[in-house]
Protein backbone atom coordinates (compact mmCIF):
# COMPACT_ATOMS: atom_id res chain seq x y z
CA MET A 1 137.21 42.62 -35.05
CA THR A 2 136.04 44.63 -32.13
CA GLU A 3 133.46 46.27 -34.31
CA LYS A 4 132.07 42.93 -35.46
CA HIS A 5 132.01 41.73 -31.95
CA GLY A 6 130.06 44.77 -30.88
CA VAL A 7 127.52 44.32 -33.68
CA LYS A 8 127.02 40.71 -32.60
CA ARG A 9 126.40 41.69 -29.00
CA ALA A 10 123.92 44.31 -30.06
CA ASP A 11 122.06 41.74 -32.14
CA THR A 12 121.95 39.26 -29.23
CA PHE A 13 120.70 41.95 -26.89
CA ALA A 14 117.96 42.87 -29.35
CA LYS A 15 116.82 39.25 -29.55
CA MET A 16 116.78 38.97 -25.78
CA ARG A 17 114.73 42.08 -25.46
CA PHE A 18 112.28 40.83 -28.04
CA ALA A 19 111.99 37.58 -26.13
CA TRP A 20 111.29 39.47 -22.90
CA VAL A 21 108.68 41.58 -24.62
CA LEU A 22 107.07 38.48 -26.11
CA LEU A 23 107.09 36.80 -22.71
CA LEU A 24 105.46 39.82 -21.10
CA LEU A 25 102.76 39.98 -23.74
CA THR A 26 102.06 36.31 -23.30
CA GLY A 27 101.64 36.77 -19.53
CA LEU A 28 99.27 39.68 -20.07
CA LEU A 29 97.22 37.61 -22.49
CA VAL A 30 97.01 34.74 -20.02
CA LEU A 31 95.96 37.10 -17.21
CA GLN A 32 93.31 38.73 -19.41
CA SER A 33 91.97 35.32 -20.51
CA GLY A 34 91.54 34.23 -16.85
CA CYS A 35 89.56 37.36 -16.03
CA GLN A 36 87.30 36.82 -19.04
CA GLU A 37 86.68 33.18 -18.06
CA GLU A 38 85.75 34.26 -14.51
CA ALA A 39 83.40 36.90 -15.83
CA SER A 40 81.83 34.45 -18.23
CA SER A 41 81.18 32.04 -15.38
CA THR A 42 79.05 34.69 -13.63
CA ARG A 43 77.45 36.36 -16.68
CA GLY A 44 76.73 33.31 -18.81
CA PRO A 45 78.18 32.15 -22.10
CA SER A 46 80.03 34.69 -24.27
CA SER A 47 81.82 34.65 -27.62
CA PRO A 48 85.39 33.23 -27.63
CA SER A 49 88.32 35.62 -27.50
CA GLU A 50 90.42 36.41 -30.50
CA PRO A 51 93.30 34.07 -29.56
CA GLU A 52 90.84 31.27 -29.00
CA LYS A 53 89.24 31.97 -32.36
CA LEU A 54 92.62 31.93 -33.94
CA VAL A 55 93.54 28.66 -32.35
CA ALA A 56 90.18 27.16 -33.30
CA GLU A 57 90.49 28.26 -36.88
CA GLN A 58 94.05 26.94 -37.16
CA ALA A 59 93.23 23.66 -35.39
CA PRO A 60 92.77 20.81 -37.82
CA THR A 61 89.18 19.58 -38.19
CA LYS A 62 88.70 16.23 -36.43
CA PRO A 63 86.65 13.85 -38.47
CA ALA A 64 83.34 12.88 -36.81
CA GLU A 65 83.46 9.55 -35.12
CA PRO A 66 81.09 7.00 -36.66
CA VAL A 67 77.93 6.45 -34.61
CA GLU A 68 77.61 2.87 -33.56
CA GLU A 69 74.22 1.49 -34.59
CA LYS A 70 72.47 -0.34 -31.80
CA ALA A 71 70.53 -3.48 -32.49
CA PRO A 72 66.79 -3.16 -31.92
CA ALA A 73 65.82 -4.00 -28.39
CA VAL A 74 64.27 -7.42 -27.94
CA GLU A 75 61.14 -7.31 -25.82
CA GLU A 76 61.51 -9.43 -22.82
CA THR A 77 58.66 -11.91 -22.44
CA VAL A 78 57.34 -12.06 -18.92
CA ALA A 79 55.96 -15.42 -17.99
CA THR A 80 52.41 -15.17 -16.56
CA GLU A 81 50.29 -17.83 -14.90
CA ALA A 82 47.42 -19.31 -16.99
CA PRO A 83 43.93 -18.37 -15.68
CA GLU A 84 42.27 -21.08 -13.66
CA VAL A 85 39.53 -22.94 -15.60
CA VAL A 86 36.20 -22.90 -13.74
CA LYS A 87 34.43 -26.25 -13.93
CA SER A 88 30.66 -26.31 -14.11
CA PRO A 89 27.89 -28.79 -15.01
CA LYS A 90 25.75 -28.49 -18.12
CA MET A 91 22.36 -30.20 -18.44
CA VAL A 92 21.35 -31.18 -21.99
CA LEU A 93 18.05 -32.87 -22.90
CA ASP A 94 17.42 -34.85 -26.06
CA LYS A 95 13.92 -33.26 -26.26
CA VAL A 96 11.55 -31.18 -24.18
CA LEU A 97 8.19 -32.21 -25.73
CA HIS A 98 6.40 -35.53 -26.06
CA ASP A 99 3.06 -35.71 -27.88
CA PHE A 100 1.00 -38.85 -27.22
CA GLY A 101 -1.36 -37.87 -30.02
CA GLU A 102 -4.98 -39.00 -29.84
CA ILE A 103 -5.69 -41.36 -26.95
CA GLY A 104 -8.80 -42.72 -25.29
CA PRO A 105 -10.21 -41.71 -21.87
CA GLY A 106 -8.28 -43.40 -19.07
CA ALA A 107 -5.51 -44.51 -21.44
CA ALA A 108 -1.95 -44.77 -20.09
CA GLY A 109 1.38 -44.02 -21.76
CA THR A 110 5.06 -43.45 -20.96
CA ALA A 111 7.36 -40.74 -22.30
CA GLU A 112 11.17 -40.93 -22.03
CA PHE A 113 13.57 -37.97 -21.79
CA THR A 114 17.35 -38.45 -21.86
CA ILE A 115 19.37 -36.15 -19.60
CA LYS A 116 23.11 -35.77 -20.25
CA ASN A 117 25.80 -33.85 -18.37
CA GLU A 118 27.96 -32.17 -21.02
CA GLY A 119 29.76 -30.02 -18.44
CA THR A 120 33.02 -30.46 -16.56
CA ALA A 121 31.60 -30.86 -13.06
CA PRO A 122 29.01 -33.22 -11.53
CA LEU A 123 25.39 -32.39 -12.41
CA LYS A 124 23.02 -32.63 -9.43
CA ILE A 125 19.27 -32.97 -9.91
CA THR A 126 17.64 -30.96 -7.12
CA GLN A 127 13.93 -31.41 -7.96
CA VAL A 128 11.61 -33.30 -10.31
CA ARG A 129 8.24 -31.55 -10.08
CA VAL A 130 5.31 -33.30 -11.77
CA CYS A 131 1.62 -32.39 -12.08
CA CYS A 132 -1.64 -34.32 -11.85
CA GLY A 133 -1.83 -37.56 -13.79
CA VAL A 134 1.98 -37.85 -14.17
CA VAL A 135 4.40 -40.10 -12.27
CA ALA A 136 8.22 -39.73 -12.66
CA ARG A 137 10.64 -42.69 -12.64
CA GLY A 138 14.35 -43.20 -13.31
CA VAL A 139 15.56 -39.79 -12.09
CA GLU A 140 14.80 -38.19 -8.75
CA ALA A 141 16.02 -35.39 -6.49
CA ASN A 142 19.67 -35.59 -5.29
CA ASP A 143 20.71 -37.84 -8.20
CA GLN A 144 24.10 -36.86 -9.68
CA LEU A 145 25.54 -37.32 -13.16
CA LYS A 146 29.29 -37.25 -13.76
CA PRO A 147 30.64 -35.30 -16.78
CA GLY A 148 29.60 -37.21 -19.90
CA GLU A 149 27.13 -39.41 -18.00
CA SER A 150 23.43 -39.78 -19.03
CA ALA A 151 20.18 -40.85 -17.38
CA VAL A 152 16.65 -41.52 -18.64
CA LEU A 153 13.65 -39.83 -17.01
CA GLU A 154 10.43 -41.81 -17.54
CA LEU A 155 7.09 -40.02 -17.21
CA ASP A 156 4.01 -42.22 -16.86
CA TYR A 157 0.81 -40.43 -17.87
CA ARG A 158 -2.79 -41.55 -17.39
CA ALA A 159 -5.47 -39.66 -19.29
CA GLY A 160 -8.61 -38.30 -17.71
CA MET A 161 -12.12 -39.35 -18.60
CA GLN A 162 -13.34 -36.20 -20.32
CA PRO A 163 -12.54 -35.70 -24.03
CA SER A 164 -10.34 -32.63 -24.47
CA PRO A 165 -6.83 -31.51 -25.46
CA VAL A 166 -4.43 -31.90 -22.52
CA THR A 167 -1.08 -30.29 -21.69
CA ARG A 168 1.05 -31.29 -18.70
CA ARG A 169 4.30 -29.54 -17.67
CA ILE A 170 7.10 -31.08 -15.62
CA TYR A 171 9.89 -28.96 -14.11
CA LEU A 172 13.41 -30.36 -13.76
CA ARG A 173 15.74 -28.36 -11.49
CA SER A 174 19.53 -28.82 -11.25
CA ASN A 175 22.76 -27.06 -10.28
CA ASP A 176 23.42 -26.06 -13.90
CA PRO A 177 24.42 -22.37 -13.55
CA ILE A 178 22.90 -21.45 -16.94
CA ASN A 179 20.03 -23.88 -17.50
CA GLY A 180 19.01 -24.43 -13.89
CA VAL A 181 15.35 -25.19 -14.67
CA ALA A 182 14.21 -27.25 -17.66
CA THR A 183 10.54 -27.46 -18.62
CA LEU A 184 9.27 -30.73 -20.10
CA THR A 185 5.87 -30.85 -21.79
CA LEU A 186 3.46 -33.73 -22.34
CA LYS A 187 0.61 -33.30 -24.81
CA ALA A 188 -2.35 -35.48 -25.73
CA LYS A 189 -5.81 -35.28 -27.23
CA ILE A 190 -8.30 -37.34 -25.26
CA ALA A 191 -10.96 -38.65 -27.61
CA ARG A 192 -13.74 -41.08 -26.88
CA ARG A 193 -13.19 -44.57 -28.23
CA VAL A 194 -16.74 -45.38 -27.14
CA GLU A 195 -19.38 -42.78 -27.92
CA CYS A 196 -22.11 -42.21 -25.32
CA MET A 197 -25.50 -40.62 -26.07
CA PRO A 198 -26.71 -38.68 -24.21
CA THR A 199 -23.70 -37.44 -22.28
CA SER A 200 -25.93 -36.30 -19.37
CA LEU A 201 -29.45 -36.96 -18.10
CA LYS A 202 -32.09 -34.43 -17.08
CA LEU A 203 -34.50 -36.12 -14.66
CA PHE A 204 -37.88 -35.01 -13.27
CA LEU A 205 -39.62 -36.05 -10.09
CA LYS A 206 -43.13 -35.70 -11.51
CA GLN A 207 -42.54 -37.80 -14.65
CA GLU A 208 -42.68 -41.55 -15.12
CA ASN A 209 -39.28 -43.14 -14.48
CA ALA A 210 -38.05 -39.56 -13.91
CA GLY A 211 -38.15 -39.06 -17.67
CA ALA A 212 -34.87 -41.01 -18.03
CA LYS A 213 -33.85 -41.59 -21.65
CA ASP A 214 -32.05 -44.63 -23.04
CA ILE A 215 -28.22 -44.60 -22.92
CA THR A 216 -26.53 -45.73 -26.15
CA LEU A 217 -22.88 -46.88 -26.17
CA ARG A 218 -21.15 -47.29 -29.57
CA SER A 219 -17.56 -48.21 -30.45
CA VAL A 220 -16.00 -45.44 -32.54
CA ASP A 221 -13.16 -47.65 -33.83
CA ASP A 222 -15.46 -50.67 -34.38
CA LYS A 223 -13.70 -52.72 -31.69
CA PRO A 224 -16.20 -54.92 -29.78
CA PHE A 225 -16.48 -54.61 -26.01
CA SER A 226 -18.54 -55.78 -23.05
CA ILE A 227 -20.26 -53.96 -20.16
CA LYS A 228 -18.82 -55.10 -16.84
CA GLY A 229 -20.45 -52.71 -14.38
CA PHE A 230 -23.18 -50.08 -13.90
CA ARG A 231 -23.45 -47.96 -10.74
CA SER A 232 -24.75 -44.51 -9.73
CA THR A 233 -24.81 -42.06 -6.83
CA ALA A 234 -26.74 -43.61 -3.92
CA ASN A 235 -27.82 -46.31 -6.39
CA ALA A 236 -30.59 -43.94 -7.52
CA VAL A 237 -30.33 -45.11 -11.15
CA THR A 238 -29.84 -48.73 -12.24
CA ALA A 239 -29.80 -50.68 -15.55
CA GLN A 240 -29.84 -54.32 -16.67
CA PHE A 241 -26.98 -55.70 -18.84
CA ASP A 242 -25.28 -58.97 -19.79
CA PRO A 243 -21.55 -58.90 -18.84
CA GLU A 244 -20.82 -61.82 -21.21
CA LYS A 245 -22.15 -60.16 -24.33
CA GLN A 246 -19.72 -58.48 -26.73
CA ALA A 247 -20.77 -55.96 -29.35
CA THR A 248 -19.86 -52.63 -30.92
CA GLU A 249 -23.11 -51.04 -29.69
CA PHE A 250 -25.32 -51.35 -26.59
CA VAL A 251 -28.56 -49.66 -25.57
CA LEU A 252 -29.16 -49.40 -21.81
CA LYS A 253 -32.52 -48.55 -20.24
CA PRO A 254 -31.96 -46.68 -16.92
CA GLN A 255 -34.41 -47.30 -14.07
CA ALA A 256 -34.92 -44.38 -11.64
CA ASN A 257 -35.65 -44.74 -7.93
CA MET A 258 -37.81 -41.68 -7.25
CA GLU A 259 -37.35 -41.70 -3.48
CA LYS A 260 -33.54 -41.83 -3.75
CA LEU A 261 -33.48 -39.24 -6.52
CA GLN A 262 -35.43 -36.80 -4.36
CA ARG A 263 -32.64 -37.02 -1.74
CA ASN A 264 -29.85 -36.96 -4.37
CA LEU A 265 -30.76 -34.32 -6.90
CA ARG A 266 -27.31 -34.38 -8.50
CA GLY A 267 -25.05 -37.35 -9.20
CA GLN A 268 -23.38 -39.47 -11.85
CA ILE A 269 -23.62 -42.86 -13.52
CA SER A 270 -20.41 -44.89 -14.00
CA ILE A 271 -20.31 -47.65 -16.65
CA ASP A 272 -17.32 -50.06 -16.76
CA LEU A 273 -16.28 -51.43 -20.19
CA THR A 274 -13.76 -53.90 -21.63
CA HIS A 275 -12.79 -51.75 -24.61
CA PRO A 276 -8.94 -51.65 -24.83
CA GLU A 277 -8.87 -47.84 -24.98
CA CYS A 278 -11.99 -46.96 -23.02
CA LYS A 279 -12.43 -48.64 -19.66
CA ASN A 280 -15.13 -46.38 -18.27
CA ILE A 281 -17.93 -44.02 -19.30
CA ARG A 282 -19.47 -41.46 -16.92
CA VAL A 283 -22.86 -39.84 -17.36
CA LEU A 284 -23.91 -36.95 -15.12
CA TYR A 285 -27.52 -36.58 -14.05
CA ASP A 286 -29.45 -33.60 -12.66
CA VAL A 287 -32.91 -33.79 -11.11
CA LEU A 288 -35.31 -30.86 -11.26
CA ALA A 289 -36.30 -30.29 -7.65
CA GLU A 290 -39.94 -29.97 -6.73
CA TYR A 291 -39.32 -26.56 -5.12
CA THR A 292 -36.76 -23.81 -5.49
CA VAL A 293 -35.83 -21.41 -2.66
CA SER A 294 -34.63 -17.89 -3.45
CA PRO A 295 -32.17 -16.83 -2.17
CA PRO A 296 -30.67 -20.31 -1.69
CA GLN A 297 -28.90 -19.17 1.52
CA ILE A 298 -29.18 -16.35 4.07
CA MET A 299 -26.23 -14.08 4.98
CA LEU A 300 -26.38 -11.65 7.94
CA PHE A 301 -23.89 -8.94 8.91
CA ASN A 302 -23.37 -6.61 11.90
CA LEU A 303 -25.35 -8.87 14.19
CA LYS A 304 -26.14 -7.82 17.73
CA PRO A 305 -27.35 -10.31 20.35
CA ASN A 306 -31.15 -10.29 20.69
CA ASP A 307 -31.44 -7.68 17.91
CA PRO A 308 -33.86 -9.07 15.23
CA GLN A 309 -33.36 -8.68 11.47
CA LYS A 310 -35.98 -9.19 8.76
CA ARG A 311 -35.51 -11.20 5.56
CA GLN A 312 -37.74 -12.39 2.73
CA LEU A 313 -37.76 -15.84 1.09
CA TRP A 314 -39.46 -16.96 -2.14
CA ILE A 315 -40.68 -20.58 -2.41
CA LEU A 316 -41.39 -21.60 -6.02
CA SER A 317 -43.06 -24.78 -7.30
CA ASN A 318 -41.04 -26.01 -10.32
CA TYR A 319 -43.89 -28.31 -11.40
CA LYS A 320 -46.56 -25.55 -11.28
CA GLU A 321 -48.48 -27.27 -8.51
CA ASN A 322 -50.46 -25.66 -5.71
CA PHE A 323 -48.84 -25.93 -2.30
CA GLU A 324 -49.04 -24.46 1.21
CA VAL A 325 -46.26 -23.59 3.67
CA GLU A 326 -47.08 -25.27 6.96
CA SER A 327 -44.35 -23.83 9.20
CA VAL A 328 -40.98 -22.06 9.35
CA ALA A 329 -38.41 -22.75 12.06
CA SER A 330 -34.67 -23.10 12.62
CA GLN A 331 -32.46 -25.65 14.35
CA LYS A 332 -31.29 -23.06 16.95
CA GLY A 333 -34.59 -21.28 17.39
CA THR A 334 -33.45 -17.97 15.86
CA VAL A 335 -36.26 -17.67 13.25
CA LYS A 336 -39.91 -16.59 13.49
CA LEU A 337 -42.42 -16.40 10.62
CA LEU A 338 -43.93 -12.92 10.39
CA GLU A 339 -45.97 -13.19 7.17
CA LYS A 340 -46.65 -15.50 4.24
CA LYS A 341 -48.21 -14.38 0.97
CA LYS A 342 -49.33 -16.77 -1.78
CA VAL A 343 -49.09 -15.74 -5.45
CA ASP A 344 -50.19 -18.52 -7.86
CA ASN A 345 -47.60 -21.30 -7.45
CA HIS A 346 -45.22 -19.02 -5.49
CA CYS A 347 -45.11 -18.13 -1.83
CA LEU A 348 -43.39 -15.07 -0.29
CA LEU A 349 -42.27 -15.49 3.32
CA THR A 350 -41.22 -12.67 5.65
CA ILE A 351 -39.15 -13.99 8.53
CA GLU A 352 -37.39 -12.50 11.54
CA LEU A 353 -33.99 -13.73 12.69
CA THR A 354 -32.79 -12.92 16.22
CA ALA A 355 -29.13 -13.62 16.94
CA PRO A 356 -28.41 -15.29 20.29
CA PRO A 357 -25.49 -14.19 22.54
CA VAL A 358 -22.02 -14.96 21.18
CA GLU A 359 -20.81 -18.45 22.04
CA GLY A 360 -17.13 -18.65 22.92
CA ASP A 361 -14.57 -16.67 20.92
CA ARG A 362 -16.23 -17.13 17.51
CA ALA A 363 -18.44 -14.15 16.66
CA VAL A 364 -20.24 -16.15 13.97
CA LEU A 365 -23.82 -17.44 13.80
CA SER A 366 -24.50 -20.70 11.94
CA ASP A 367 -28.05 -22.03 11.67
CA VAL A 368 -30.42 -23.85 9.29
CA VAL A 369 -33.85 -22.45 8.42
CA GLU A 370 -36.41 -25.19 7.72
CA VAL A 371 -39.57 -24.55 5.65
CA LYS A 372 -42.14 -27.37 5.97
CA ILE A 373 -44.46 -27.85 2.99
CA LYS A 374 -47.87 -29.24 3.97
CA ASP A 375 -48.09 -32.92 2.94
CA GLY A 376 -44.69 -32.53 1.31
CA GLU A 377 -40.99 -32.22 1.96
CA THR A 378 -39.04 -29.92 4.28
CA LEU A 379 -36.82 -27.36 2.56
CA SER A 380 -33.52 -26.45 4.27
CA ILE A 381 -31.83 -23.04 3.86
CA GLN A 382 -28.37 -22.42 5.29
CA CYS A 383 -28.09 -19.28 7.44
CA ARG A 384 -24.79 -17.65 8.37
CA GLY A 385 -24.25 -14.38 10.25
CA PHE A 386 -21.38 -12.28 11.62
CA TYR A 387 -21.52 -10.27 14.84
CA GLN A 388 -20.26 -6.69 15.14
């Protein structure tokens, strides 16, 4: 019994010693693990120790947690303010060209242009610019059209007297930011409704009745008419007619007044008619003067007071007649005749012009040289000079 009891105590003691040894080893392992962790914190990551590997290998594998799928993000709509609409006028025309076609001299017509504001702001007309022979009505500067509103511009046109194609342009200005200036065009072809032959007269002072030819008036469209008036420059040409007579053709016989023609070498004849598309016919006349002066005027430069300048003048007889220059003078006494030389029906004059002292602030000389033909007329030549 004592022996069994002794064996039992020995076995208990052995177990206790094993426990103490195990406890000591465990403490050493813990101490060593702490040192390794401190070293790893200063040196960086290192491989796990054997006990840790053992624990990790023996630890049961934890199933991976399911990843929660997120719903796609919904873009958030940011409310923004709508851009402000800019209002502006817009000028629109129904047409920009009106063609009257063929019309007679002096004929009148009216063209209409419709202007509409197709914009969103008031349309202001700032200018209506017309040209000769055109009068504007219905629309004028400073007129305003509301959006959607319209107006009619009326253009009255009166044709000229000379047959020719005609184009007239009218400019319409507004506050339209894009079409600020609109160009309107009027066209016409002026054609004679009454034909006149000849269209001009060449008259001569040394011929009977100045050599005036008959004037024939004929209706082109066969519409009858009457002659209501006949007049000329300075009444130098006249003609007899019956204002009550109607016909499609008239022949007038002009009568020349030689004295008046000599003082009016150029002019026109105006004949008034009752034709519905031709109220007037004009015939130009030109008279061949008895003498021609060359040059027709005298120009002087770099004038000095009392410093004479020489010039030459040719006097020519257009009717080949013999003549003699009686004297040469000027209205201000600046001219003196130095020499005259006759060659057939021509005469060469050498004259001297002496400028007087400057009058006032104008350093310009203006005078008239007068050449008197013996038993004939006095020829006048304009003289103009400029002082230094």
